[in-house]
Every structure is written in structure tokens, then in C-alpha cells.
Amino acid sequence: MKKLPKSEFTEFKKWCDYYIELFGLKQYRIVYRFKKLNGNYAQANIDDKGMIAVISLNSDLHDDYVSAKTHAKHEIIHLALSKLIFLGECRFVDSEEITDEEEMLVRRLEKVIN
């Protein structure tokens, strides 16, 4: 399999940083990886308690690869939704926590959607 150029990874990180800023997600510590991913173009592994996200781009080039920008946006949307997903998976959660996180997500989207 062909390898994705390292310049594409640089572009991916640039777009991730852009969307992190746009969505107001700077409270996370971000680690970027450029490695072989089985079955994914990119992925985000997020630890909401520790506020750490490992965002990876597949180093293998797939025939239907779209763009660094598209895959970065997709992974940062996962990051934006992660707290809501985390709360939904908790065994014990106060409904107010979900409402608060929903409101936070709405405010983030208001900044992005014209």
C-alpha cells in the first residue's frame, strides 16, 4: 500500500488546530499521531476525565482518501461531542449535566453556523 505524504499530516494538524479553535475546545491536551490505522482514515481517542485527545491520521493512502481538512473536521466534531457521549455512558448522571453540556454544544455551534 502507498504511504500518505508527511505533508498531508502537517496539513491535517493545521486543520485540526483550526477546528479546535473554532469549536472552543482548547481545554483539551492534544496529541497527534501519524500511523497505520486499520479500517480508518483518521481517529480520535478521547479521555474526557483527563481532558486528553489523541488524534491520529492513517499513514497509509487509501484510494478514496478525501482530504486532510475533511478528516480533521470529522475528528474534531467527535471531540466536540465527546463530553455529551461520556455523560450518556455514565451509569449515574445528573440530568442537569446533560442539559449543561447540550447548552455548551449549542453555543459552540452558534459560532460556526451562519
Protein backbone atom coordinates (compact mmCIF):
# COMPACT_ATOMS: atom_id res chain seq x y z
CA MET A 1 0.00 0.00 0.00
CA LYS A 2 1.19 3.54 -0.78
CA LYS A 3 2.04 5.87 2.07
CA LEU A 4 0.34 9.20 2.64
CA PRO A 5 2.85 12.07 2.30
CA LYS A 6 4.08 13.59 5.58
CA SER A 7 2.94 16.98 4.22
CA GLU A 8 -0.65 15.71 4.40
CA PHE A 9 -0.17 15.01 8.12
CA THR A 10 1.12 18.56 8.60
CA GLU A 11 -1.98 19.85 6.81
CA PHE A 12 -4.20 17.56 8.94
CA LYS A 13 -2.74 19.00 12.18
CA LYS A 14 -3.20 22.54 10.87
CA TRP A 15 -6.89 21.91 10.16
CA CYS A 16 -7.41 20.13 13.49
CA ASP A 17 -5.95 23.15 15.30
CA TYR A 18 -8.23 25.43 13.27
CA TYR A 19 -11.38 23.46 14.17
CA ILE A 20 -10.31 23.11 17.82
CA GLU A 21 -10.09 26.91 17.98
CA LEU A 22 -13.35 27.36 16.07
CA PHE A 23 -15.30 24.99 18.35
CA GLY A 24 -13.70 26.34 21.54
CA LEU A 25 -12.07 23.04 22.53
CA LYS A 26 -8.71 24.38 23.69
CA GLN A 27 -9.18 22.90 27.17
CA TYR A 28 -8.05 19.51 25.79
CA ARG A 29 -4.41 18.50 25.59
CA ILE A 30 -4.00 17.27 22.01
CA VAL A 31 -1.51 14.64 20.85
CA TYR A 32 -1.20 14.00 17.12
CA ARG A 33 -0.11 10.68 15.61
CA PHE A 34 0.65 9.63 12.04
CA LYS A 35 0.39 5.85 11.97
CA LYS A 36 -1.23 2.87 10.32
CA LEU A 37 -4.91 2.62 11.29
CA ASN A 38 -6.85 -0.49 10.39
CA GLY A 39 -10.06 0.50 8.62
CA ASN A 40 -10.00 4.23 9.44
CA TYR A 41 -8.75 7.32 7.64
CA ALA A 42 -8.34 9.02 11.00
CA GLN A 43 -9.49 8.55 14.57
CA ALA A 44 -9.81 10.40 17.86
CA ASN A 45 -9.25 8.64 21.18
CA ILE A 46 -10.60 10.95 23.86
CA ASP A 47 -10.25 10.85 27.63
CA ASP A 48 -12.80 13.36 28.92
CA LYS A 49 -11.81 12.94 32.56
CA GLY A 50 -8.15 13.63 31.80
CA MET A 51 -9.01 16.16 29.06
CA ILE A 52 -6.61 14.49 26.61
CA ALA A 53 -7.30 13.62 22.97
CA VAL A 54 -5.04 11.53 20.75
CA ILE A 55 -5.91 12.34 17.15
CA SER A 56 -4.41 10.08 14.51
CA LEU A 57 -4.20 10.18 10.74
CA ASN A 58 -3.69 6.94 8.83
CA SER A 59 -0.22 6.84 7.27
CA ASP A 60 -1.49 4.51 4.54
CA LEU A 61 -3.00 6.14 1.46
CA HIS A 62 -6.41 4.75 0.53
CA ASP A 63 -7.84 5.17 -2.97
CA ASP A 64 -10.87 7.02 -1.64
CA TYR A 65 -8.98 9.36 0.72
CA VAL A 66 -10.73 12.75 0.66
CA SER A 67 -8.58 15.49 2.23
CA ALA A 68 -6.77 16.48 5.40
CA LYS A 69 -9.35 19.19 6.01
CA THR A 70 -12.32 16.81 5.73
CA HIS A 71 -10.82 14.18 8.04
CA ALA A 72 -9.67 16.81 10.55
CA LYS A 73 -13.14 18.34 10.69
CA HIS A 74 -14.70 14.89 11.22
CA GLU A 75 -12.40 14.05 14.15
CA ILE A 76 -12.84 17.43 15.83
CA ILE A 77 -16.62 17.06 15.63
CA HIS A 78 -16.13 13.78 17.55
CA LEU A 79 -14.13 15.77 20.10
CA ALA A 80 -16.89 18.39 20.36
CA LEU A 81 -19.47 15.66 21.04
CA SER A 82 -17.29 13.57 23.35
CA LYS A 83 -18.42 15.08 26.67
CA LEU A 84 -22.07 14.52 25.80
CA ILE A 85 -21.29 10.91 24.80
CA PHE A 86 -19.29 10.45 28.01
CA LEU A 87 -22.19 11.69 30.15
CA GLY A 88 -24.63 9.46 28.28
CA GLU A 89 -22.47 6.41 29.02
CA CYS A 90 -22.18 7.15 32.76
CA ARG A 91 -24.19 4.90 35.00
CA PHE A 92 -25.11 7.77 37.28
CA VAL A 93 -25.56 11.16 35.71
CA ASP A 94 -27.50 14.21 36.77
CA SER A 95 -29.87 15.37 34.01
CA GLU A 96 -28.60 18.90 34.63
CA GLU A 97 -25.11 17.81 33.50
CA ILE A 98 -26.52 16.69 30.16
CA THR A 99 -28.50 19.92 29.79
CA ASP A 100 -25.40 21.98 30.62
CA GLU A 101 -23.31 20.11 28.04
CA GLU A 102 -26.07 20.44 25.45
CA GLU A 103 -26.08 24.20 26.03
CA MET A 104 -22.29 24.32 25.68
CA LEU A 105 -22.52 22.47 22.36
CA VAL A 106 -25.26 24.80 21.12
CA ARG A 107 -23.07 27.82 21.92
CA ARG A 108 -20.16 26.27 20.04
CA LEU A 109 -22.35 25.59 17.01
CA GLU A 110 -23.76 29.14 17.09
CA LYS A 111 -20.21 30.43 16.50
CA VAL A 112 -19.76 28.15 13.50
CA ILE A 113 -23.13 28.20 11.75
CA ASN A 114 -24.09 31.44 10.00
